[in-house]
Amino acid sequence: MAGVAVLLGSLVQGAAGFGLGLLAAPVVALADPGLVPVALLVVTAVLPLLSVARERAHVDWRGVGWAVLGRLPGSALGAWTVAVLPAAAIGAGVAVVVLAGVAASVLRWRPRPTPRALLVGGFVSGVTGTATSVGGPPVALLYQHADGPRVRATLGAFFTVGIAVSLTLLAATGQVSSSDLLAGVLLLPAMALGFALSGPLRRVVDGGRTRPVVLSLAAASSAVLLVRSVWG
């Protein structure tokens, strides 16, 4: 069950730049709650490397730097919540904020990846990504007006660094075990297959559909996170 969820999530993320956490986290948590967030973070740490390798010429490295700078304290807060607080409360709060951002974008807000916005987006992504494995929407919203290759490559570079930070902080707070890491490794073949199948879907997204896809995935991710947080 977890493998199929990771395959589908990797297929979506390979095409849109994020979405693995959206599709896989609820199913993986249902299969075994102990697999979230660490085992799933292992998978989400490897997948972005493939995205960057495929479209590295399109990475906005300046934007990645600002977002990672914001993610550092956000990841620390996320690791702290995993250690001492229920992730449900912070997950619900982040979900509401992202849903509000999606609604504002649909109406009239035109976010841009400025240094200040990327710092905030990176911070929020660090909190929710570390605590719940769903960290894509806060930064993805800032790139909703960019083309598909730029979104995928930039988010891939951001996730590569940010998730490594999250795993390091979780390990430092005693939240990572060898069984968690092994479970993550066992899910990697499903991730690789999903990414390999994402090529045709990537062309569909790039055909003028990047912004609708980003907004839809951000809204869906936040809705799933909110439901998980409120109703468990």
C-alpha atoms as a PDB file:
ATOM      1  CA  MET A   1       0.000   0.000   0.000  1.00  0.00           C
ATOM      2  CA  ALA A   2       2.756   2.433   0.916  1.00  0.00           C
ATOM      3  CA  GLY A   3       4.706   1.565  -2.229  1.00  0.00           C
ATOM      4  CA  VAL A   4       1.763   2.294  -4.526  1.00  0.00           C
ATOM      5  CA  ALA A   5       1.170   5.621  -2.770  1.00  0.00           C
ATOM      6  CA  VAL A   6       4.824   6.584  -3.150  1.00  0.00           C
ATOM      7  CA  LEU A   7       4.775   5.589  -6.831  1.00  0.00           C
ATOM      8  CA  LEU A   8       1.746   7.790  -7.551  1.00  0.00           C
ATOM      9  CA  GLY A   9       3.119  10.653  -5.463  1.00  0.00           C
ATOM     10  CA  SER A  10       6.458  10.473  -7.276  1.00  0.00           C
ATOM     11  CA  LEU A  11       4.654  10.491 -10.616  1.00  0.00           C
ATOM     12  CA  VAL A  12       2.882  13.720  -9.664  1.00  0.00           C
ATOM     13  CA  GLN A  13       5.950  15.368  -8.141  1.00  0.00           C
ATOM     14  CA  GLY A  14       8.076  14.447 -11.139  1.00  0.00           C
ATOM     15  CA  ALA A  15       5.627  16.356 -13.335  1.00  0.00           C
ATOM     16  CA  ALA A  16       4.639  19.276 -11.111  1.00  0.00           C
ATOM     17  CA  GLY A  17       7.610  19.755  -8.776  1.00  0.00           C
ATOM     18  CA  PHE A  18       5.869  18.703  -5.563  1.00  0.00           C
ATOM     19  CA  GLY A  19       3.005  16.478  -4.436  1.00  0.00           C
ATOM     20  CA  LEU A  20       4.671  13.342  -3.075  1.00  0.00           C
ATOM     21  CA  GLY A  21       3.735  14.254   0.493  1.00  0.00           C
ATOM     22  CA  LEU A  22       0.174  15.075  -0.566  1.00  0.00           C
ATOM     23  CA  LEU A  23      -0.540  11.641  -2.036  1.00  0.00           C
ATOM     24  CA  ALA A  24       1.765   9.413  -0.050  1.00  0.00           C
ATOM     25  CA  ALA A  25       1.719  10.755   3.516  1.00  0.00           C
ATOM     26  CA  PRO A  26      -1.928   9.916   4.363  1.00  0.00           C
ATOM     27  CA  VAL A  27      -1.689   6.408   2.888  1.00  0.00           C
ATOM     28  CA  VAL A  28       1.711   5.664   4.399  1.00  0.00           C
ATOM     29  CA  ALA A  29       0.445   6.865   7.784  1.00  0.00           C
ATOM     30  CA  LEU A  30      -2.546   4.547   7.407  1.00  0.00           C
ATOM     31  CA  ALA A  31      -0.309   1.593   6.505  1.00  0.00           C
ATOM     32  CA  ASP A  32       2.004   2.280   9.445  1.00  0.00           C
ATOM     33  CA  PRO A  33       1.947   5.574  11.414  1.00  0.00           C
ATOM     34  CA  GLY A  34       5.544   4.956  12.410  1.00  0.00           C
ATOM     35  CA  LEU A  35       6.671   5.534   8.828  1.00  0.00           C
ATOM     36  CA  VAL A  36       5.733   9.224   9.009  1.00  0.00           C
ATOM     37  CA  PRO A  37       7.616  11.467   8.902  1.00  0.00           C
ATOM     38  CA  VAL A  38      11.065   9.824   8.816  1.00  0.00           C
ATOM     39  CA  ALA A  39      10.679   6.996   6.286  1.00  0.00           C
ATOM     40  CA  LEU A  40       8.765   9.259   3.920  1.00  0.00           C
ATOM     41  CA  LEU A  41      11.349  12.023   4.349  1.00  0.00           C
ATOM     42  CA  VAL A  42      14.013   9.565   3.176  1.00  0.00           C
ATOM     43  CA  VAL A  43      12.076   9.110  -0.060  1.00  0.00           C
ATOM     44  CA  THR A  44      11.441  12.836  -0.461  1.00  0.00           C
ATOM     45  CA  ALA A  45      15.131  13.510   0.083  1.00  0.00           C
ATOM     46  CA  VAL A  46      16.150  11.365  -2.908  1.00  0.00           C
ATOM     47  CA  LEU A  47      13.404  12.276  -5.394  1.00  0.00           C
ATOM     48  CA  PRO A  48      14.386  15.984  -5.700  1.00  0.00           C
ATOM     49  CA  LEU A  49      17.897  14.964  -6.719  1.00  0.00           C
ATOM     50  CA  LEU A  50      16.415  13.328  -9.817  1.00  0.00           C
ATOM     51  CA  SER A  51      14.425  16.479 -10.625  1.00  0.00           C
ATOM     52  CA  VAL A  52      17.502  18.680 -10.320  1.00  0.00           C
ATOM     53  CA  ALA A  53      19.591  16.332 -12.444  1.00  0.00           C
ATOM     54  CA  ARG A  54      16.946  16.341 -15.173  1.00  0.00           C
ATOM     55  CA  GLU A  55      16.418  20.133 -15.316  1.00  0.00           C
ATOM     56  CA  ARG A  56      19.372  21.661 -13.463  1.00  0.00           C
ATOM     57  CA  ALA A  57      19.748  24.541 -15.965  1.00  0.00           C
ATOM     58  CA  HIS A  58      16.418  25.977 -14.751  1.00  0.00           C
ATOM     59  CA  VAL A  59      17.204  26.182 -11.002  1.00  0.00           C
ATOM     60  CA  ASP A  60      16.719  29.611  -9.403  1.00  0.00           C
ATOM     61  CA  TRP A  61      19.719  29.269  -7.083  1.00  0.00           C
ATOM     62  CA  ARG A  62      19.249  32.712  -5.552  1.00  0.00           C
ATOM     63  CA  GLY A  63      15.690  31.828  -4.603  1.00  0.00           C
ATOM     64  CA  VAL A  64      16.806  28.460  -3.245  1.00  0.00           C
ATOM     65  CA  GLY A  65      19.314  30.189  -0.996  1.00  0.00           C
ATOM     66  CA  TRP A  66      16.722  32.476   0.573  1.00  0.00           C
ATOM     67  CA  ALA A  67      14.190  29.663   1.005  1.00  0.00           C
ATOM     68  CA  VAL A  68      16.766  27.374   2.629  1.00  0.00           C
ATOM     69  CA  LEU A  69      17.782  30.191   4.969  1.00  0.00           C
ATOM     70  CA  GLY A  70      14.162  30.381   6.099  1.00  0.00           C
ATOM     71  CA  ARG A  71      13.806  26.617   6.292  1.00  0.00           C
ATOM     72  CA  LEU A  72      16.595  26.196   8.854  1.00  0.00           C
ATOM     73  CA  PRO A  73      14.699  27.700  11.832  1.00  0.00           C
ATOM     74  CA  GLY A  74      11.430  26.274  10.511  1.00  0.00           C
ATOM     75  CA  SER A  75      12.889  22.764  10.490  1.00  0.00           C
ATOM     76  CA  ALA A  76      14.140  23.245  14.044  1.00  0.00           C
ATOM     77  CA  LEU A  77      10.637  24.207  15.148  1.00  0.00           C
ATOM     78  CA  GLY A  78       9.185  21.253  13.242  1.00  0.00           C
ATOM     79  CA  ALA A  79      11.612  18.828  14.894  1.00  0.00           C
ATOM     80  CA  TRP A  80      10.723  20.288  18.280  1.00  0.00           C
ATOM     81  CA  THR A  81       7.004  19.775  17.688  1.00  0.00           C
ATOM     82  CA  VAL A  82       7.605  16.147  16.696  1.00  0.00           C
ATOM     83  CA  ALA A  83       9.563  15.647  19.925  1.00  0.00           C
ATOM     84  CA  VAL A  84       7.285  17.363  22.436  1.00  0.00           C
ATOM     85  CA  LEU A  85       4.023  18.435  20.805  1.00  0.00           C
ATOM     86  CA  PRO A  86       1.328  16.780  18.694  1.00  0.00           C
ATOM     87  CA  ALA A  87       1.960  17.602  15.057  1.00  0.00           C
ATOM     88  CA  ALA A  88      -1.809  17.927  14.528  1.00  0.00           C
ATOM     89  CA  ALA A  89      -2.054  21.450  15.932  1.00  0.00           C
ATOM     90  CA  ILE A  90       0.727  22.949  13.880  1.00  0.00           C
ATOM     91  CA  GLY A  91      -0.347  20.958  10.815  1.00  0.00           C
ATOM     92  CA  ALA A  92      -3.838  22.433  11.008  1.00  0.00           C
ATOM     93  CA  GLY A  93      -2.474  25.945  11.412  1.00  0.00           C
ATOM     94  CA  VAL A  94      -0.170  25.660   8.422  1.00  0.00           C
ATOM     95  CA  ALA A  95      -2.943  24.122   6.309  1.00  0.00           C
ATOM     96  CA  VAL A  96      -5.244  27.060   7.019  1.00  0.00           C
ATOM     97  CA  VAL A  97      -2.515  29.566   6.124  1.00  0.00           C
ATOM     98  CA  VAL A  98      -1.737  27.838   2.818  1.00  0.00           C
ATOM     99  CA  LEU A  99      -5.426  27.516   1.906  1.00  0.00           C
ATOM    100  CA  ALA A 100      -5.806  31.240   2.549  1.00  0.00           C
ATOM    101  CA  GLY A 101      -2.824  31.860   0.262  1.00  0.00           C
ATOM    102  CA  VAL A 102      -4.379  29.756  -2.493  1.00  0.00           C
ATOM    103  CA  ALA A 103      -7.683  31.605  -2.162  1.00  0.00           C
ATOM    104  CA  ALA A 104      -5.917  34.967  -2.296  1.00  0.00           C
ATOM    105  CA  SER A 105      -3.977  33.850  -5.379  1.00  0.00           C
ATOM    106  CA  VAL A 106      -7.163  32.853  -7.169  1.00  0.00           C
ATOM    107  CA  LEU A 107      -8.766  36.210  -6.368  1.00  0.00           C
ATOM    108  CA  ARG A 108      -6.087  38.864  -6.877  1.00  0.00           C
ATOM    109  CA  TRP A 109      -2.842  38.135  -4.990  1.00  0.00           C
ATOM    110  CA  ARG A 110       0.159  37.789  -7.298  1.00  0.00           C
ATOM    111  CA  PRO A 111       2.968  36.405  -5.118  1.00  0.00           C
ATOM    112  CA  ARG A 112       6.550  36.788  -6.273  1.00  0.00           C
ATOM    113  CA  PRO A 113       9.644  34.926  -5.042  1.00  0.00           C
ATOM    114  CA  THR A 114      11.211  37.931  -3.340  1.00  0.00           C
ATOM    115  CA  PRO A 115      13.832  37.383  -0.607  1.00  0.00           C
ATOM    116  CA  ARG A 116      11.353  38.235   2.165  1.00  0.00           C
ATOM    117  CA  ALA A 117       8.624  36.005   0.741  1.00  0.00           C
ATOM    118  CA  LEU A 118      11.063  33.124   0.262  1.00  0.00           C
ATOM    119  CA  LEU A 119      12.300  33.435   3.842  1.00  0.00           C
ATOM    120  CA  VAL A 120       8.735  33.160   5.129  1.00  0.00           C
ATOM    121  CA  GLY A 121       7.811  30.399   2.697  1.00  0.00           C
ATOM    122  CA  GLY A 122      10.949  28.449   3.548  1.00  0.00           C
ATOM    123  CA  PHE A 123      10.251  28.792   7.265  1.00  0.00           C
ATOM    124  CA  VAL A 124       6.676  27.514   6.955  1.00  0.00           C
ATOM    125  CA  SER A 125       7.838  24.710   4.668  1.00  0.00           C
ATOM    126  CA  GLY A 126      10.451  23.703   7.231  1.00  0.00           C
ATOM    127  CA  VAL A 127       7.879  23.499  10.015  1.00  0.00           C
ATOM    128  CA  THR A 128       5.263  21.475   8.176  1.00  0.00           C
ATOM    129  CA  GLY A 129       7.725  19.424   6.103  1.00  0.00           C
ATOM    130  CA  THR A 130       9.621  18.246   9.168  1.00  0.00           C
ATOM    131  CA  ALA A 131       6.543  17.615  11.293  1.00  0.00           C
ATOM    132  CA  THR A 132       4.168  16.167   8.676  1.00  0.00           C
ATOM    133  CA  SER A 133       6.159  15.364   5.468  1.00  0.00           C
ATOM    134  CA  VAL A 134       4.036  17.897   3.518  1.00  0.00           C
ATOM    135  CA  GLY A 135       6.324  20.862   2.861  1.00  0.00           C
ATOM    136  CA  GLY A 136       5.903  21.835  -0.776  1.00  0.00           C
ATOM    137  CA  PRO A 137       2.963  24.283  -0.948  1.00  0.00           C
ATOM    138  CA  PRO A 138       4.418  27.316   0.912  1.00  0.00           C
ATOM    139  CA  VAL A 139       7.313  27.727  -1.534  1.00  0.00           C
ATOM    140  CA  ALA A 140       5.497  26.400  -4.594  1.00  0.00           C
ATOM    141  CA  LEU A 141       2.895  29.175  -4.286  1.00  0.00           C
ATOM    142  CA  LEU A 142       5.642  31.765  -4.746  1.00  0.00           C
ATOM    143  CA  TYR A 143       6.641  30.223  -8.093  1.00  0.00           C
ATOM    144  CA  GLN A 144       3.121  29.697  -9.435  1.00  0.00           C
ATOM    145  CA  HIS A 145       3.723  32.131 -12.315  1.00  0.00           C
ATOM    146  CA  ALA A 146       7.024  30.518 -13.385  1.00  0.00           C
ATOM    147  CA  ASP A 147       7.247  27.911 -16.126  1.00  0.00           C
ATOM    148  CA  GLY A 148       7.198  24.194 -15.370  1.00  0.00           C
ATOM    149  CA  PRO A 149      10.933  23.453 -15.621  1.00  0.00           C
ATOM    150  CA  ARG A 150      11.776  26.376 -13.288  1.00  0.00           C
ATOM    151  CA  VAL A 151       9.204  25.248 -10.716  1.00  0.00           C
ATOM    152  CA  ARG A 152      10.355  21.627 -10.732  1.00  0.00           C
ATOM    153  CA  ALA A 153      14.093  22.335 -10.725  1.00  0.00           C
ATOM    154  CA  THR A 154      13.946  25.085  -8.091  1.00  0.00           C
ATOM    155  CA  LEU A 155      11.705  23.131  -5.739  1.00  0.00           C
ATOM    156  CA  GLY A 156      13.915  20.080  -6.261  1.00  0.00           C
ATOM    157  CA  ALA A 157      17.027  21.990  -5.222  1.00  0.00           C
ATOM    158  CA  PHE A 158      15.206  23.494  -2.235  1.00  0.00           C
ATOM    159  CA  PHE A 159      13.883  20.113  -1.098  1.00  0.00           C
ATOM    160  CA  THR A 160      17.296  18.468  -1.485  1.00  0.00           C
ATOM    161  CA  VAL A 161      18.867  20.811   1.055  1.00  0.00           C
ATOM    162  CA  GLY A 162      15.822  21.401   3.234  1.00  0.00           C
ATOM    163  CA  ILE A 163      14.894  17.763   3.757  1.00  0.00           C
ATOM    164  CA  ALA A 164      18.499  16.878   4.596  1.00  0.00           C
ATOM    165  CA  VAL A 165      18.309  19.542   7.300  1.00  0.00           C
ATOM    166  CA  SER A 166      14.993  18.153   8.561  1.00  0.00           C
ATOM    167  CA  LEU A 167      16.346  14.599   8.802  1.00  0.00           C
ATOM    168  CA  THR A 168      19.467  15.819  10.589  1.00  0.00           C
ATOM    169  CA  LEU A 169      17.442  17.715  13.179  1.00  0.00           C
ATOM    170  CA  LEU A 170      15.061  14.782  13.703  1.00  0.00           C
ATOM    171  CA  ALA A 171      18.073  12.527  14.239  1.00  0.00           C
ATOM    172  CA  ALA A 172      19.576  15.009  16.693  1.00  0.00           C
ATOM    173  CA  THR A 173      16.361  14.950  18.738  1.00  0.00           C
ATOM    174  CA  GLY A 174      16.208  11.143  18.780  1.00  0.00           C
ATOM    175  CA  GLN A 175      13.350  10.802  16.290  1.00  0.00           C
ATOM    176  CA  VAL A 176      15.204   8.640  13.725  1.00  0.00           C
ATOM    177  CA  SER A 177      15.766   4.891  14.067  1.00  0.00           C
ATOM    178  CA  SER A 178      17.469   2.337  11.840  1.00  0.00           C
ATOM    179  CA  SER A 179      14.091   0.754  11.072  1.00  0.00           C
ATOM    180  CA  ASP A 180      12.784   4.144   9.872  1.00  0.00           C
ATOM    181  CA  LEU A 181      15.736   4.508   7.508  1.00  0.00           C
ATOM    182  CA  LEU A 182      15.368   0.932   6.240  1.00  0.00           C
ATOM    183  CA  ALA A 183      11.676   1.476   5.539  1.00  0.00           C
ATOM    184  CA  GLY A 184      12.535   4.586   3.556  1.00  0.00           C
ATOM    185  CA  VAL A 185      15.142   2.703   1.521  1.00  0.00           C
ATOM    186  CA  LEU A 186      12.637  -0.064   0.746  1.00  0.00           C
ATOM    187  CA  LEU A 187      10.272   2.552  -0.726  1.00  0.00           C
ATOM    188  CA  LEU A 188      12.903   3.978  -3.090  1.00  0.00           C
ATOM    189  CA  PRO A 189      12.223   1.560  -6.006  1.00  0.00           C
ATOM    190  CA  ALA A 190       8.576   2.657  -6.075  1.00  0.00           C
ATOM    191  CA  MET A 191       9.720   6.281  -6.062  1.00  0.00           C
ATOM    192  CA  ALA A 192      12.143   5.684  -8.940  1.00  0.00           C
ATOM    193  CA  LEU A 193       9.439   4.016 -11.044  1.00  0.00           C
ATOM    194  CA  GLY A 194       7.002   6.861 -10.440  1.00  0.00           C
ATOM    195  CA  PHE A 195       9.616   9.425 -11.442  1.00  0.00           C
ATOM    196  CA  ALA A 196      10.479   7.484 -14.593  1.00  0.00           C
ATOM    197  CA  LEU A 197       6.815   7.489 -15.609  1.00  0.00           C
ATOM    198  CA  SER A 198       6.424  11.237 -15.055  1.00  0.00           C
ATOM    199  CA  GLY A 199       7.864  12.299 -18.423  1.00  0.00           C
ATOM    200  CA  PRO A 200       4.614  12.328 -20.434  1.00  0.00           C
ATOM    201  CA  LEU A 201       2.690  13.990 -17.597  1.00  0.00           C
ATOM    202  CA  ARG A 202       5.414  16.644 -17.363  1.00  0.00           C
ATOM    203  CA  ARG A 203       4.707  17.675 -20.959  1.00  0.00           C
ATOM    204  CA  VAL A 204       1.017  18.046 -20.137  1.00  0.00           C
ATOM    205  CA  VAL A 205       1.796  20.320 -17.173  1.00  0.00           C
ATOM    206  CA  ASP A 206       4.155  22.450 -19.271  1.00  0.00           C
ATOM    207  CA  GLY A 207       1.460  23.108 -21.862  1.00  0.00           C
ATOM    208  CA  GLY A 208       0.266  26.281 -20.128  1.00  0.00           C
ATOM    209  CA  ARG A 209      -1.059  24.472 -17.048  1.00  0.00           C
ATOM    210  CA  THR A 210       1.678  25.121 -14.486  1.00  0.00           C
ATOM    211  CA  ARG A 211      -0.205  27.683 -12.378  1.00  0.00           C
ATOM    212  CA  PRO A 212      -3.519  25.740 -12.177  1.00  0.00           C
ATOM    213  CA  VAL A 213      -1.607  22.586 -11.263  1.00  0.00           C
ATOM    214  CA  VAL A 214       0.423  24.360  -8.560  1.00  0.00           C
ATOM    215  CA  LEU A 215      -2.653  25.975  -7.025  1.00  0.00           C
ATOM    216  CA  SER A 216      -4.664  22.746  -7.176  1.00  0.00           C
ATOM    217  CA  LEU A 217      -1.921  20.683  -5.565  1.00  0.00           C
ATOM    218  CA  ALA A 218      -1.297  23.313  -2.891  1.00  0.00           C
ATOM    219  CA  ALA A 219      -5.000  23.410  -2.023  1.00  0.00           C
ATOM    220  CA  ALA A 220      -5.300  19.629  -2.038  1.00  0.00           C
ATOM    221  CA  SER A 221      -2.159  19.191   0.077  1.00  0.00           C
ATOM    222  CA  SER A 222      -3.448  21.646   2.656  1.00  0.00           C
ATOM    223  CA  ALA A 223      -6.923  20.113   2.702  1.00  0.00           C
ATOM    224  CA  VAL A 224      -5.457  16.645   3.291  1.00  0.00           C
ATOM    225  CA  LEU A 225      -3.163  18.010   5.994  1.00  0.00           C
ATOM    226  CA  LEU A 226      -6.079  19.786   7.670  1.00  0.00           C
ATOM    227  CA  VAL A 227      -8.251  16.655   7.638  1.00  0.00           C
ATOM    228  CA  ARG A 228      -5.398  14.551   9.018  1.00  0.00           C
ATOM    229  CA  SER A 229      -4.719  17.119  11.738  1.00  0.00           C
ATOM    230  CA  VAL A 230      -8.328  17.569  12.847  1.00  0.00           C
ATOM    231  CA  TRP A 231      -9.652  14.049  12.501  1.00  0.00           C
ATOM    232  CA  GLY A 232      -6.433  12.047  12.778  1.00  0.00           C
END
